[in-house]
């Protein structure tokens, strides 16, 4: 993936998507809404991923530009090989893992 243009990066930090309703995995009634970036939580390496989705990965200064990654619920946020524990994660958009969807779940 190419580096994110700085102006797009600023927009992404201002607008995030979060669930508007709580439901069971596979609940197709759950929606999304925009929230201000200042209310978004930052996650640290070693913490559990509470919600599957696309996260912004923010590395320590001068190491690498911010980029996006898919994280799966119940995994742990990883340590970066270069900046170690100084990496941070911010949810951009929640997304259901395909095999957690009731139409694709293994019986």
Protein backbone atom coordinates (compact mmCIF):
# COMPACT_ATOMS: atom_id res chain seq x y z
CA UNK A 1 0.00 0.00 0.00
CA UNK A 2 1.30 3.46 -0.87
CA UNK A 3 1.92 6.08 1.78
CA UNK A 4 -1.10 8.14 2.74
CA UNK A 5 -1.17 11.72 1.45
CA UNK A 6 -0.83 14.10 4.46
CA UNK A 7 -4.13 15.90 3.74
CA UNK A 8 -6.00 12.58 3.63
CA UNK A 9 -4.32 11.50 6.85
CA UNK A 10 -5.63 14.59 8.63
CA UNK A 11 -9.18 13.91 7.43
CA UNK A 12 -8.98 10.30 8.56
CA UNK A 13 -7.96 11.37 12.05
CA UNK A 14 -10.94 13.72 12.33
CA UNK A 15 -13.65 11.25 11.31
CA UNK A 16 -13.96 7.70 12.64
CA UNK A 17 -16.68 5.09 12.39
CA UNK A 18 -18.06 3.34 15.46
CA UNK A 19 -21.06 1.07 16.02
CA UNK A 20 -24.34 2.78 16.85
CA UNK A 21 -25.94 -0.28 18.38
CA UNK A 22 -24.69 -3.23 20.34
CA UNK A 23 -25.57 -6.65 19.02
CA UNK A 24 -24.37 -10.19 18.73
CA UNK A 25 -21.69 -11.07 16.16
CA UNK A 26 -23.45 -11.39 12.84
CA UNK A 27 -26.27 -9.03 13.84
CA UNK A 28 -27.06 -7.31 10.57
CA UNK A 29 -29.03 -4.53 12.32
CA UNK A 30 -25.90 -2.88 13.75
CA UNK A 31 -24.96 0.34 11.94
CA UNK A 32 -22.14 2.84 11.98
CA UNK A 33 -21.88 6.52 12.77
CA UNK A 34 -19.19 9.16 12.62
CA UNK A 35 -17.47 10.35 15.76
CA UNK A 36 -14.86 13.00 16.32
CA UNK A 37 -11.25 11.77 16.42
CA UNK A 38 -10.71 13.46 19.78
CA UNK A 39 -13.12 10.93 21.34
CA UNK A 40 -11.40 7.92 19.76
CA UNK A 41 -9.43 5.57 21.97
CA UNK A 42 -5.79 4.81 21.34
CA UNK A 43 -4.72 1.22 21.90
CA UNK A 44 -1.29 -0.01 22.97
CA UNK A 45 0.71 -3.13 22.08
CA UNK A 46 -0.33 -6.09 24.21
CA UNK A 47 -3.89 -4.88 24.75
CA UNK A 48 -6.68 -7.10 23.38
CA UNK A 49 -8.46 -6.01 20.21
CA UNK A 50 -12.05 -5.41 21.37
CA UNK A 51 -13.56 -4.92 17.91
CA UNK A 52 -12.57 -6.35 14.52
CA UNK A 53 -11.96 -3.69 11.94
CA UNK A 54 -9.56 -1.38 10.18
CA UNK A 55 -7.14 0.43 12.47
CA UNK A 56 -4.75 3.29 11.88
CA UNK A 57 -1.27 2.22 12.95
CA UNK A 58 0.69 5.19 14.30
CA UNK A 59 4.43 4.58 14.62
CA UNK A 60 7.03 6.46 16.64
CA UNK A 61 8.30 9.65 14.99
CA UNK A 62 10.68 9.35 12.03
CA UNK A 63 10.15 5.59 11.79
CA UNK A 64 7.24 5.22 9.36
CA UNK A 65 4.16 7.11 8.23
CA UNK A 66 0.82 6.05 9.67
CA UNK A 67 -0.88 3.24 7.75
CA UNK A 68 -3.96 1.03 7.99
CA UNK A 69 -4.21 -2.58 9.10
CA UNK A 70 -7.00 -5.08 9.72
CA UNK A 71 -7.18 -6.34 13.29
CA UNK A 72 -9.29 -9.28 14.49
CA UNK A 73 -11.25 -9.23 17.74
CA UNK A 74 -9.58 -11.16 20.59
CA UNK A 75 -6.07 -10.85 19.09
CA UNK A 76 -3.54 -8.68 20.89
CA UNK A 77 -2.25 -5.46 19.38
CA UNK A 78 1.32 -6.26 18.27
CA UNK A 79 4.67 -4.67 19.08
CA UNK A 80 6.45 -3.02 16.14
CA UNK A 81 9.83 -4.52 15.19
CA UNK A 82 11.31 -1.01 14.81
CA UNK A 83 9.63 1.26 17.37
CA UNK A 84 8.66 -1.41 19.89
CA UNK A 85 6.04 -0.40 22.46
CA UNK A 86 5.79 3.15 21.10
CA UNK A 87 3.37 2.13 18.32
CA UNK A 88 -0.31 3.07 18.78
CA UNK A 89 -3.56 1.88 17.17
CA UNK A 90 -6.80 3.78 16.52
CA UNK A 91 -10.02 2.25 15.19
CA UNK A 92 -10.99 3.79 11.85
CA UNK A 93 -13.92 1.55 10.99
CA UNK A 94 -15.36 -1.54 12.59
CA UNK A 95 -15.84 -4.52 10.30
CA UNK A 96 -17.23 -7.95 11.04
CA UNK A 97 -14.83 -10.85 10.37
CA UNK A 98 -16.47 -12.94 7.62
CA UNK A 99 -16.55 -16.16 9.66
CA UNK A 100 -18.27 -14.35 12.55
CA UNK A 101 -21.14 -13.49 10.18
CA UNK A 102 -24.12 -15.87 10.67
CA UNK A 103 -24.30 -16.56 6.92
CA UNK A 104 -20.68 -17.77 6.83
CA UNK A 105 -20.20 -19.19 10.33
CA UNK A 106 -19.07 -22.78 10.60
CA UNK A 107 -21.69 -24.95 12.31
